[in-house]
Amino acid sequence: MAWIFLFTAGALEVLWATGLKVLGTRFSWMLGALTVVAMVASFVALYAAMARLPLGIAYPIWTGIGSVGSVAVSVLAFNQTLSLSSVLGVALLVAGMLLLGADAH
């Protein structure tokens, strides 16, 4: 169950980061409120995950999901292009998350 909370927290982090990006281009009170709700929900889900997973595993994986997910959204929704070094960086993030997750007991 802790892993479900952690992946939910990571997905919500991508959602609120995307909300901040959109708010930077066109402000809306509704989008601002939804972004804040996603932030709070992300922290609540992270809290639930950390009740069962070590800090050294949960926090880096949460931020990694947010990082990789934000890059994916940026490429798909905001037409960002990635260099070879960027792709390698994302691959290393994913590898690091997998290695950390494999260490969870």
PDB file of N, CA and C in Angstrom:
ATOM      1  N   MET A   1       0.818  -1.195   0.000  1.00  0.00           N
ATOM      2  CA  MET A   1       0.000   0.000   0.000  1.00  0.00           C
ATOM      3  C   MET A   1       0.866   1.265   0.000  1.00  0.00           C
ATOM      4  N   ALA A   2       2.027   1.190   0.670  1.00  0.00           N
ATOM      5  CA  ALA A   2       2.921   2.347   0.734  1.00  0.00           C
ATOM      6  C   ALA A   2       3.373   2.752  -0.661  1.00  0.00           C
ATOM      7  N   TRP A   3       3.615   1.768  -1.520  1.00  0.00           N
ATOM      8  CA  TRP A   3       4.065   2.072  -2.880  1.00  0.00           C
ATOM      9  C   TRP A   3       2.960   2.751  -3.691  1.00  0.00           C
ATOM     10  N   ILE A   4       1.723   2.353  -3.452  1.00  0.00           N
ATOM     11  CA  ILE A   4       0.605   3.015  -4.136  1.00  0.00           C
ATOM     12  C   ILE A   4       0.537   4.482  -3.715  1.00  0.00           C
ATOM     13  N   PHE A   5       0.698   4.741  -2.403  1.00  0.00           N
ATOM     14  CA  PHE A   5       0.722   6.120  -1.914  1.00  0.00           C
ATOM     15  C   PHE A   5       1.881   6.897  -2.539  1.00  0.00           C
ATOM     16  N   LEU A   6       3.035   6.242  -2.646  1.00  0.00           N
ATOM     17  CA  LEU A   6       4.212   6.922  -3.183  1.00  0.00           C
ATOM     18  C   LEU A   6       4.037   7.269  -4.661  1.00  0.00           C
ATOM     19  N   PHE A   7       3.534   6.335  -5.450  1.00  0.00           N
ATOM     20  CA  PHE A   7       3.317   6.625  -6.867  1.00  0.00           C
ATOM     21  C   PHE A   7       2.215   7.665  -7.072  1.00  0.00           C
ATOM     22  N   THR A   8       1.199   7.635  -6.211  1.00  0.00           N
ATOM     23  CA  THR A   8       0.155   8.660  -6.257  1.00  0.00           C
ATOM     24  C   THR A   8       0.740  10.026  -5.926  1.00  0.00           C
ATOM     25  N   ALA A   9       1.584  10.082  -4.908  1.00  0.00           N
ATOM     26  CA  ALA A   9       2.234  11.345  -4.540  1.00  0.00           C
ATOM     27  C   ALA A   9       3.084  11.868  -5.686  1.00  0.00           C
ATOM     28  N   GLY A  10       3.801  10.979  -6.363  1.00  0.00           N
ATOM     29  CA  GLY A  10       4.628  11.386  -7.498  1.00  0.00           C
ATOM     30  C   GLY A  10       3.798  11.900  -8.658  1.00  0.00           C
ATOM     31  N   ALA A  11       2.697  11.219  -8.954  1.00  0.00           N
ATOM     32  CA  ALA A  11       1.817  11.662 -10.040  1.00  0.00           C
ATOM     33  C   ALA A  11       1.200  13.022  -9.713  1.00  0.00           C
ATOM     34  N   LEU A  12       0.832  13.220  -8.463  1.00  0.00           N
ATOM     35  CA  LEU A  12       0.278  14.516  -8.052  1.00  0.00           C
ATOM     36  C   LEU A  12       1.332  15.611  -8.120  1.00  0.00           C
ATOM     37  N   GLU A  13       2.593  15.252  -7.879  1.00  0.00           N
ATOM     38  CA  GLU A  13       3.667  16.233  -8.005  1.00  0.00           C
ATOM     39  C   GLU A  13       3.800  16.697  -9.454  1.00  0.00           C
ATOM     40  N   VAL A  14       3.705  15.764 -10.382  1.00  0.00           N
ATOM     41  CA  VAL A  14       3.736  16.129 -11.806  1.00  0.00           C
ATOM     42  C   VAL A  14       2.559  17.045 -12.130  1.00  0.00           C
ATOM     43  N   LEU A  15       1.408  16.720 -11.585  1.00  0.00           N
ATOM     44  CA  LEU A  15       0.204  17.521 -11.835  1.00  0.00           C
ATOM     45  C   LEU A  15       0.368  18.948 -11.331  1.00  0.00           C
ATOM     46  N   TRP A  16       0.861  19.117 -10.105  1.00  0.00           N
ATOM     47  CA  TRP A  16       0.977  20.481  -9.594  1.00  0.00           C
ATOM     48  C   TRP A  16       2.113  21.247 -10.256  1.00  0.00           C
ATOM     49  N   ALA A  17       3.182  20.562 -10.638  1.00  0.00           N
ATOM     50  CA  ALA A  17       4.249  21.253 -11.368  1.00  0.00           C
ATOM     51  C   ALA A  17       3.737  21.744 -12.728  1.00  0.00           C
ATOM     52  N   THR A  18       2.936  20.918 -13.387  1.00  0.00           N
ATOM     53  CA  THR A  18       2.337  21.316 -14.658  1.00  0.00           C
ATOM     54  C   THR A  18       1.383  22.489 -14.452  1.00  0.00           C
ATOM     55  N   GLY A  19       0.623  22.435 -13.368  1.00  0.00           N
ATOM     56  CA  GLY A  19      -0.272  23.544 -13.048  1.00  0.00           C
ATOM     57  C   GLY A  19       0.488  24.850 -12.864  1.00  0.00           C
ATOM     58  N   LEU A  20       1.640  24.792 -12.194  1.00  0.00           N
ATOM     59  CA  LEU A  20       2.446  26.003 -12.018  1.00  0.00           C
ATOM     60  C   LEU A  20       2.948  26.536 -13.355  1.00  0.00           C
ATOM     61  N   LYS A  21       3.340  25.638 -14.247  1.00  0.00           N
ATOM     62  CA  LYS A  21       3.810  26.060 -15.572  1.00  0.00           C
ATOM     63  C   LYS A  21       2.694  26.774 -16.333  1.00  0.00           C
ATOM     64  N   VAL A  22       1.507  26.183 -16.329  1.00  0.00           N
ATOM     65  CA  VAL A  22       0.381  26.789 -17.044  1.00  0.00           C
ATOM     66  C   VAL A  22      -0.007  28.112 -16.393  1.00  0.00           C
ATOM     67  N   LEU A  23       0.008  28.168 -15.070  1.00  0.00           N
ATOM     68  CA  LEU A  23      -0.321  29.418 -14.378  1.00  0.00           C
ATOM     69  C   LEU A  23       0.651  30.534 -14.752  1.00  0.00           C
ATOM     70  N   GLY A  24       1.891  30.173 -15.057  1.00  0.00           N
ATOM     71  CA  GLY A  24       2.873  31.167 -15.458  1.00  0.00           C
ATOM     72  C   GLY A  24       2.565  31.806 -16.797  1.00  0.00           C
ATOM     73  N   THR A  25       1.780  31.129 -17.611  1.00  0.00           N
ATOM     74  CA  THR A  25       1.449  31.680 -18.929  1.00  0.00           C
ATOM     75  C   THR A  25       0.058  32.296 -18.969  1.00  0.00           C
ATOM     76  N   ARG A  26      -0.872  31.716 -18.215  1.00  0.00           N
ATOM     77  CA  ARG A  26      -2.228  32.270 -18.168  1.00  0.00           C
ATOM     78  C   ARG A  26      -2.837  31.956 -16.797  1.00  0.00           C
ATOM     79  N   PHE A  27      -2.975  32.996 -16.009  1.00  0.00           N
ATOM     80  CA  PHE A  27      -3.464  32.828 -14.642  1.00  0.00           C
ATOM     81  C   PHE A  27      -4.958  32.585 -14.612  1.00  0.00           C
ATOM     82  N   SER A  28      -5.340  31.681 -13.722  1.00  0.00           N
ATOM     83  CA  SER A  28      -6.748  31.390 -13.469  1.00  0.00           C
ATOM     84  C   SER A  28      -6.870  31.010 -11.998  1.00  0.00           C
ATOM     85  N   TRP A  29      -7.834  31.610 -11.312  1.00  0.00           N
ATOM     86  CA  TRP A  29      -8.042  31.273  -9.904  1.00  0.00           C
ATOM     87  C   TRP A  29      -8.396  29.805  -9.729  1.00  0.00           C
ATOM     88  N   MET A  30      -9.198  29.267 -10.642  1.00  0.00           N
ATOM     89  CA  MET A  30      -9.592  27.861 -10.559  1.00  0.00           C
ATOM     90  C   MET A  30      -8.371  26.956 -10.708  1.00  0.00           C
ATOM     91  N   LEU A  31      -7.539  27.230 -11.700  1.00  0.00           N
ATOM     92  CA  LEU A  31      -6.331  26.424 -11.890  1.00  0.00           C
ATOM     93  C   LEU A  31      -5.388  26.589 -10.702  1.00  0.00           C
ATOM     94  N   GLY A  32      -5.307  27.800 -10.168  1.00  0.00           N
ATOM     95  CA  GLY A  32      -4.478  28.021  -8.984  1.00  0.00           C
ATOM     96  C   GLY A  32      -4.959  27.195  -7.802  1.00  0.00           C
ATOM     97  N   ALA A  33      -6.262  27.163  -7.603  1.00  0.00           N
ATOM     98  CA  ALA A  33      -6.831  26.382  -6.503  1.00  0.00           C
ATOM     99  C   ALA A  33      -6.586  24.887  -6.712  1.00  0.00           C
ATOM    100  N   LEU A  34      -6.783  24.410  -7.947  1.00  0.00           N
ATOM    101  CA  LEU A  34      -6.539  22.992  -8.232  1.00  0.00           C
ATOM    102  C   LEU A  34      -5.068  22.632  -8.055  1.00  0.00           C
ATOM    103  N   THR A  35      -4.179  23.548  -8.395  1.00  0.00           N
ATOM    104  CA  THR A  35      -2.747  23.313  -8.213  1.00  0.00           C
ATOM    105  C   THR A  35      -2.414  23.181  -6.732  1.00  0.00           C
ATOM    106  N   VAL A  36      -2.980  24.055  -5.913  1.00  0.00           N
ATOM    107  CA  VAL A  36      -2.755  23.988  -4.464  1.00  0.00           C
ATOM    108  C   VAL A  36      -3.319  22.689  -3.888  1.00  0.00           C
ATOM    109  N   VAL A  37      -4.490  22.284  -4.345  1.00  0.00           N
ATOM    110  CA  VAL A  37      -5.086  21.019  -3.885  1.00  0.00           C
ATOM    111  C   VAL A  37      -4.174  19.847  -4.259  1.00  0.00           C
ATOM    112  N   ALA A  38      -3.624  19.864  -5.476  1.00  0.00           N
ATOM    113  CA  ALA A  38      -2.714  18.795  -5.902  1.00  0.00           C
ATOM    114  C   ALA A  38      -1.454  18.795  -5.046  1.00  0.00           C
ATOM    115  N   MET A  39      -0.949  19.981  -4.685  1.00  0.00           N
ATOM    116  CA  MET A  39       0.231  20.064  -3.813  1.00  0.00           C
ATOM    117  C   MET A  39      -0.038  19.421  -2.460  1.00  0.00           C
ATOM    118  N   VAL A  40      -1.139  19.829  -1.858  1.00  0.00           N
ATOM    119  CA  VAL A  40      -1.484  19.304  -0.531  1.00  0.00           C
ATOM    120  C   VAL A  40      -1.710  17.793  -0.603  1.00  0.00           C
ATOM    121  N   ALA A  41      -2.440  17.341  -1.606  1.00  0.00           N
ATOM    122  CA  ALA A  41      -2.705  15.906  -1.755  1.00  0.00           C
ATOM    123  C   ALA A  41      -1.408  15.133  -1.979  1.00  0.00           C
ATOM    124  N   SER A  42      -0.474  15.721  -2.721  1.00  0.00           N
ATOM    125  CA  SER A  42       0.814  15.072  -2.942  1.00  0.00           C
ATOM    126  C   SER A  42       1.565  14.890  -1.623  1.00  0.00           C
ATOM    127  N   PHE A  43       1.565  15.937  -0.796  1.00  0.00           N
ATOM    128  CA  PHE A  43       2.242  15.843   0.493  1.00  0.00           C
ATOM    129  C   PHE A  43       1.553  14.851   1.427  1.00  0.00           C
ATOM    130  N   VAL A  44       0.237  14.802   1.391  1.00  0.00           N
ATOM    131  CA  VAL A  44      -0.497  13.846   2.235  1.00  0.00           C
ATOM    132  C   VAL A  44      -0.172  12.414   1.808  1.00  0.00           C
ATOM    133  N   ALA A  45      -0.159  12.162   0.504  1.00  0.00           N
ATOM    134  CA  ALA A  45       0.181  10.820   0.012  1.00  0.00           C
ATOM    135  C   ALA A  45       1.629  10.473   0.331  1.00  0.00           C
ATOM    136  N   LEU A  46       2.534  11.448   0.214  1.00  0.00           N
ATOM    137  CA  LEU A  46       3.939  11.206   0.578  1.00  0.00           C
ATOM    138  C   LEU A  46       4.061  10.889   2.060  1.00  0.00           C
ATOM    139  N   TYR A  47       3.336  11.613   2.886  1.00  0.00           N
ATOM    140  CA  TYR A  47       3.316  11.349   4.323  1.00  0.00           C
ATOM    141  C   TYR A  47       2.873   9.906   4.605  1.00  0.00           C
ATOM    142  N   ALA A  48       1.812   9.468   3.927  1.00  0.00           N
ATOM    143  CA  ALA A  48       1.315   8.107   4.124  1.00  0.00           C
ATOM    144  C   ALA A  48       2.359   7.083   3.678  1.00  0.00           C
ATOM    145  N   ALA A  49       3.046   7.364   2.585  1.00  0.00           N
ATOM    146  CA  ALA A  49       4.086   6.436   2.112  1.00  0.00           C
ATOM    147  C   ALA A  49       5.253   6.394   3.084  1.00  0.00           C
ATOM    148  N   MET A  50       5.642   7.543   3.615  1.00  0.00           N
ATOM    149  CA  MET A  50       6.797   7.601   4.518  1.00  0.00           C
ATOM    150  C   MET A  50       6.516   6.964   5.873  1.00  0.00           C
ATOM    151  N   ALA A  51       5.245   6.758   6.185  1.00  0.00           N
ATOM    152  CA  ALA A  51       4.923   6.057   7.424  1.00  0.00           C
ATOM    153  C   ALA A  51       5.373   4.604   7.355  1.00  0.00           C
ATOM    154  N   ARG A  52       5.560   4.086   6.130  1.00  0.00           N
ATOM    155  CA  ARG A  52       5.904   2.679   5.948  1.00  0.00           C
ATOM    156  C   ARG A  52       7.231   2.452   5.220  1.00  0.00           C
ATOM    157  N   LEU A  53       7.726   3.458   4.523  1.00  0.00           N
ATOM    158  CA  LEU A  53       8.971   3.327   3.759  1.00  0.00           C
ATOM    159  C   LEU A  53      10.035   4.235   4.363  1.00  0.00           C
ATOM    160  N   PRO A  54      11.305   3.853   4.264  1.00  0.00           N
ATOM    161  CA  PRO A  54      12.374   4.714   4.781  1.00  0.00           C
ATOM    162  C   PRO A  54      12.454   6.036   4.010  1.00  0.00           C
ATOM    163  N   LEU A  55      12.849   7.072   4.697  1.00  0.00           N
ATOM    164  CA  LEU A  55      13.018   8.395   4.102  1.00  0.00           C
ATOM    165  C   LEU A  55      13.949   8.335   2.896  1.00  0.00           C
ATOM    166  N   GLY A  56      15.057   7.608   3.021  1.00  0.00           N
ATOM    167  CA  GLY A  56      16.064   7.526   1.962  1.00  0.00           C
ATOM    168  C   GLY A  56      15.589   6.807   0.713  1.00  0.00           C
ATOM    169  N   ILE A  57      14.457   6.158   0.780  1.00  0.00           N
ATOM    170  CA  ILE A  57      13.864   5.520  -0.399  1.00  0.00           C
ATOM    171  C   ILE A  57      12.665   6.337  -0.887  1.00  0.00           C
ATOM    172  N   ALA A  58      11.772   6.686   0.016  1.00  0.00           N
ATOM    173  CA  ALA A  58      10.521   7.353  -0.376  1.00  0.00           C
ATOM    174  C   ALA A  58      10.763   8.732  -0.988  1.00  0.00           C
ATOM    175  N   TYR A  59      11.568   9.559  -0.328  1.00  0.00           N
ATOM    176  CA  TYR A  59      11.734  10.927  -0.817  1.00  0.00           C
ATOM    177  C   TYR A  59      12.436  10.985  -2.179  1.00  0.00           C
ATOM    178  N   PRO A  60      13.549  10.287  -2.371  1.00  0.00           N
ATOM    179  CA  PRO A  60      14.179  10.338  -3.697  1.00  0.00           C
ATOM    180  C   PRO A  60      13.296   9.773  -4.811  1.00  0.00           C
ATOM    181  N   ILE A  61      12.530   8.737  -4.516  1.00  0.00           N
ATOM    182  CA  ILE A  61      11.648   8.185  -5.547  1.00  0.00           C
ATOM    183  C   ILE A  61      10.517   9.158  -5.852  1.00  0.00           C
ATOM    184  N   TRP A  62       9.979   9.812  -4.829  1.00  0.00           N
ATOM    185  CA  TRP A  62       8.932  10.825  -5.042  1.00  0.00           C
ATOM    186  C   TRP A  62       9.442  11.944  -5.939  1.00  0.00           C
ATOM    187  N   THR A  63      10.611  12.475  -5.611  1.00  0.00           N
ATOM    188  CA  THR A  63      11.145  13.558  -6.438  1.00  0.00           C
ATOM    189  C   THR A  63      11.538  13.054  -7.823  1.00  0.00           C
ATOM    190  N   GLY A  64      11.987  11.815  -7.911  1.00  0.00           N
ATOM    191  CA  GLY A  64      12.331  11.242  -9.216  1.00  0.00           C
ATOM    192  C   GLY A  64      11.113  11.079 -10.107  1.00  0.00           C
ATOM    193  N   ILE A  65      10.028  10.588  -9.531  1.00  0.00           N
ATOM    194  CA  ILE A  65       8.781  10.467 -10.307  1.00  0.00           C
ATOM    195  C   ILE A  65       8.351  11.846 -10.793  1.00  0.00           C
ATOM    196  N   GLY A  66       8.439  12.825  -9.916  1.00  0.00           N
ATOM    197  CA  GLY A  66       8.087  14.180 -10.304  1.00  0.00           C
ATOM    198  C   GLY A  66       8.992  14.713 -11.404  1.00  0.00           C
ATOM    199  N   SER A  67      10.272  14.435 -11.308  1.00  0.00           N
ATOM    200  CA  SER A  67      11.228  14.915 -12.319  1.00  0.00           C
ATOM    201  C   SER A  67      11.009  14.252 -13.666  1.00  0.00           C
ATOM    202  N   VAL A  68      10.959  12.937 -13.680  1.00  0.00           N
ATOM    203  CA  VAL A  68      10.774  12.205 -14.935  1.00  0.00           C
ATOM    204  C   VAL A  68       9.408  12.520 -15.540  1.00  0.00           C
ATOM    205  N   GLY A  69       8.388  12.554 -14.702  1.00  0.00           N
ATOM    206  CA  GLY A  69       7.048  12.865 -15.189  1.00  0.00           C
ATOM    207  C   GLY A  69       6.953  14.274 -15.745  1.00  0.00           C
ATOM    208  N   SER A  70       7.615  15.223 -15.099  1.00  0.00           N
ATOM    209  CA  SER A  70       7.598  16.605 -15.582  1.00  0.00           C
ATOM    210  C   SER A  70       8.320  16.738 -16.914  1.00  0.00           C
ATOM    211  N   VAL A  71       9.401  16.007 -17.084  1.00  0.00           N
ATOM    212  CA  VAL A  71      10.089  16.016 -18.376  1.00  0.00           C
ATOM    213  C   VAL A  71       9.166  15.450 -19.453  1.00  0.00           C
ATOM    214  N   ALA A  72       8.488  14.357 -19.140  1.00  0.00           N
ATOM    215  CA  ALA A  72       7.573  13.748 -20.117  1.00  0.00           C
ATOM    216  C   ALA A  72       6.452  14.716 -20.495  1.00  0.00           C
ATOM    217  N   VAL A  73       5.855  15.376 -19.507  1.00  0.00           N
ATOM    218  CA  VAL A  73       4.794  16.341 -19.792  1.00  0.00           C
ATOM    219  C   VAL A  73       5.347  17.502 -20.611  1.00  0.00           C
ATOM    220  N   SER A  74       6.536  17.946 -20.278  1.00  0.00           N
ATOM    221  CA  SER A  74       7.129  19.060 -21.007  1.00  0.00           C
ATOM    222  C   SER A  74       7.367  18.723 -22.473  1.00  0.00           C
ATOM    223  N   VAL A  75       7.793  17.484 -22.733  1.00  0.00           N
ATOM    224  CA  VAL A  75       8.008  17.050 -24.118  1.00  0.00           C
ATOM    225  C   VAL A  75       6.677  16.892 -24.841  1.00  0.00           C
ATOM    226  N   LEU A  76       5.713  16.258 -24.187  1.00  0.00           N
ATOM    227  CA  LEU A  76       4.434  15.955 -24.840  1.00  0.00           C
ATOM    228  C   LEU A  76       3.498  17.154 -24.954  1.00  0.00           C
ATOM    229  N   ALA A  77       3.456  17.982 -23.928  1.00  0.00           N
ATOM    230  CA  ALA A  77       2.474  19.069 -23.912  1.00  0.00           C
ATOM    231  C   ALA A  77       3.053  20.435 -24.264  1.00  0.00           C
ATOM    232  N   PHE A  78       4.348  20.621 -23.996  1.00  0.00           N
ATOM    233  CA  PHE A  78       4.937  21.943 -24.193  1.00  0.00           C
ATOM    234  C   PHE A  78       6.026  21.945 -25.272  1.00  0.00           C
ATOM    235  N   ASN A  79       6.115  20.861 -26.022  1.00  0.00           N
ATOM    236  CA  ASN A  79       7.014  20.752 -27.174  1.00  0.00           C
ATOM    237  C   ASN A  79       8.490  20.979 -26.859  1.00  0.00           C
ATOM    238  N   GLN A  80       8.907  20.595 -25.663  1.00  0.00           N
ATOM    239  CA  GLN A  80      10.325  20.679 -25.327  1.00  0.00           C
ATOM    240  C   GLN A  80      11.073  19.593 -26.088  1.00  0.00           C
ATOM    241  N   THR A  81      12.234  19.914 -26.599  1.00  0.00           N
ATOM    242  CA  THR A  81      13.067  18.897 -27.239  1.00  0.00           C
ATOM    243  C   THR A  81      14.176  18.511 -26.271  1.00  0.00           C
ATOM    244  N   LEU A  82      14.533  17.240 -26.306  1.00  0.00           N
ATOM    245  CA  LEU A  82      15.563  16.740 -25.409  1.00  0.00           C
ATOM    246  C   LEU A  82      16.830  16.424 -26.191  1.00  0.00           C
ATOM    247  N   SER A  83      17.944  16.820 -25.630  1.00  0.00           N
ATOM    248  CA  SER A  83      19.230  16.453 -26.209  1.00  0.00           C
ATOM    249  C   SER A  83      19.573  15.036 -25.759  1.00  0.00           C
ATOM    250  N   LEU A  84      20.595  14.489 -26.341  1.00  0.00           N
ATOM    251  CA  LEU A  84      21.050  13.152 -25.954  1.00  0.00           C
ATOM    252  C   LEU A  84      21.436  13.124 -24.475  1.00  0.00           C
ATOM    253  N   SER A  85      22.082  14.184 -24.012  1.00  0.00           N
ATOM    254  CA  SER A  85      22.468  14.220 -22.599  1.00  0.00           C
ATOM    255  C   SER A  85      21.238  14.300 -21.687  1.00  0.00           C
ATOM    256  N   SER A  86      20.179  14.973 -22.139  1.00  0.00           N
ATOM    257  CA  SER A  86      18.944  15.025 -21.352  1.00  0.00           C
ATOM    258  C   SER A  86      18.298  13.648 -21.253  1.00  0.00           C
ATOM    259  N   VAL A  87      18.265  12.930 -22.368  1.00  0.00           N
ATOM    260  CA  VAL A  87      17.703  11.577 -22.369  1.00  0.00           C
ATOM    261  C   VAL A  87      18.514  10.682 -21.438  1.00  0.00           C
ATOM    262  N   LEU A  88      19.837  10.809 -21.494  1.00  0.00           N
ATOM    263  CA  LEU A  88      20.696  10.026 -20.612  1.00  0.00           C
ATOM    264  C   LEU A  88      20.429  10.384 -19.150  1.00  0.00           C
ATOM    265  N   GLY A  89      20.250  11.667 -18.876  1.00  0.00           N
ATOM    266  CA  GLY A  89      19.954  12.089 -17.514  1.00  0.00           C
ATOM    267  C   GLY A  89      18.655  11.494 -16.992  1.00  0.00           C
ATOM    268  N   VAL A  90      17.623  11.490 -17.820  1.00  0.00           N
ATOM    269  CA  VAL A  90      16.340  10.896 -17.428  1.00  0.00           C
ATOM    270  C   VAL A  90      16.508   9.392 -17.205  1.00  0.00           C
ATOM    271  N   ALA A  91      17.255   8.738 -18.088  1.00  0.00           N
ATOM    272  CA  ALA A  91      17.498   7.295 -17.942  1.00  0.00           C
ATOM    273  C   ALA A  91      18.236   6.998 -16.632  1.00  0.00           C
ATOM    274  N   LEU A  92      19.183   7.846 -16.278  1.00  0.00           N
ATOM    275  CA  LEU A  92      19.903   7.655 -15.016  1.00  0.00           C
ATOM    276  C   LEU A  92      18.985   7.874 -13.815  1.00  0.00           C
ATOM    277  N   LEU A  93      18.081   8.836 -13.912  1.00  0.00           N
ATOM    278  CA  LEU A  93      17.102   9.037 -12.838  1.00  0.00           C
ATOM    279  C   LEU A  93      16.239   7.786 -12.644  1.00  0.00           C
ATOM    280  N   VAL A  94      15.748   7.241 -13.753  1.00  0.00           N
ATOM    281  CA  VAL A  94      14.914   6.042 -13.683  1.00  0.00           C
ATOM    282  C   VAL A  94      15.723   4.882 -13.097  1.00  0.00           C
ATOM    283  N   ALA A  95      16.952   4.706 -13.554  1.00  0.00           N
ATOM    284  CA  ALA A  95      17.800   3.630 -13.029  1.00  0.00           C
ATOM    285  C   ALA A  95      18.028   3.811 -11.529  1.00  0.00           C
ATOM    286  N   GLY A  96      18.276   5.034 -11.112  1.00  0.00           N
ATOM    287  CA  GLY A  96      18.470   5.297  -9.684  1.00  0.00           C
ATOM    288  C   GLY A  96      17.240   4.982  -8.859  1.00  0.00           C
ATOM    289  N   MET A  97      16.068   5.343  -9.374  1.00  0.00           N
ATOM    290  CA  MET A  97      14.833   5.035  -8.649  1.00  0.00           C
ATOM    291  C   MET A  97      14.623   3.524  -8.550  1.00  0.00           C
ATOM    292  N   LEU A  98      14.894   2.810  -9.638  1.00  0.00           N
ATOM    293  CA  LEU A  98      14.740   1.348  -9.618  1.00  0.00           C
ATOM    294  C   LEU A  98      15.705   0.710  -8.626  1.00  0.00           C
ATOM    295  N   LEU A  99      16.931   1.189  -8.590  1.00  0.00           N
ATOM    296  CA  LEU A  99      17.902   0.642  -7.646  1.00  0.00           C
ATOM    297  C   LEU A  99      17.522   0.943  -6.205  1.00  0.00           C
ATOM    298  N   LEU A 100      17.059   2.151  -5.938  1.00  0.00           N
ATOM    299  CA  LEU A 100      16.599   2.482  -4.584  1.00  0.00           C
ATOM    300  C   LEU A 100      15.392   1.640  -4.181  1.00  0.00           C
ATOM    301  N   GLY A 101      14.458   1.498  -5.116  1.00  0.00           N
ATOM    302  CA  GLY A 101      13.253   0.704  -4.825  1.00  0.00           C
ATOM    303  C   GLY A 101      13.575  -0.748  -4.570  1.00  0.00           C
ATOM    304  N   ALA A 102      14.576  -1.260  -5.258  1.00  0.00           N
ATOM    305  CA  ALA A 102      14.959  -2.658  -5.060  1.00  0.00           C
ATOM    306  C   ALA A 102      15.547  -2.886  -3.665  1.00  0.00           C
ATOM    307  N   ASP A 103      16.022  -1.811  -3.042  1.00  0.00           N
ATOM    308  CA  ASP A 103      16.621  -1.917  -1.717  1.00  0.00           C
ATOM    309  C   ASP A 103      15.576  -1.863  -0.601  1.00  0.00           C
ATOM    310  N   ALA A 104      14.321  -1.557  -0.947  1.00  0.00           N
ATOM    311  CA  ALA A 104      13.253  -1.473   0.061  1.00  0.00           C
ATOM    312  C   ALA A 104      12.921  -2.874   0.565  1.00  0.00           C
ATOM    313  N   HIS A 105      12.726  -2.957   1.843  1.00  0.00           N
ATOM    314  CA  HIS A 105      12.402  -4.272   2.430  1.00  0.00           C
ATOM    315  C   HIS A 105      10.948  -4.345   2.795  1.00  0.00           C
TER     316      HIS A 105
END
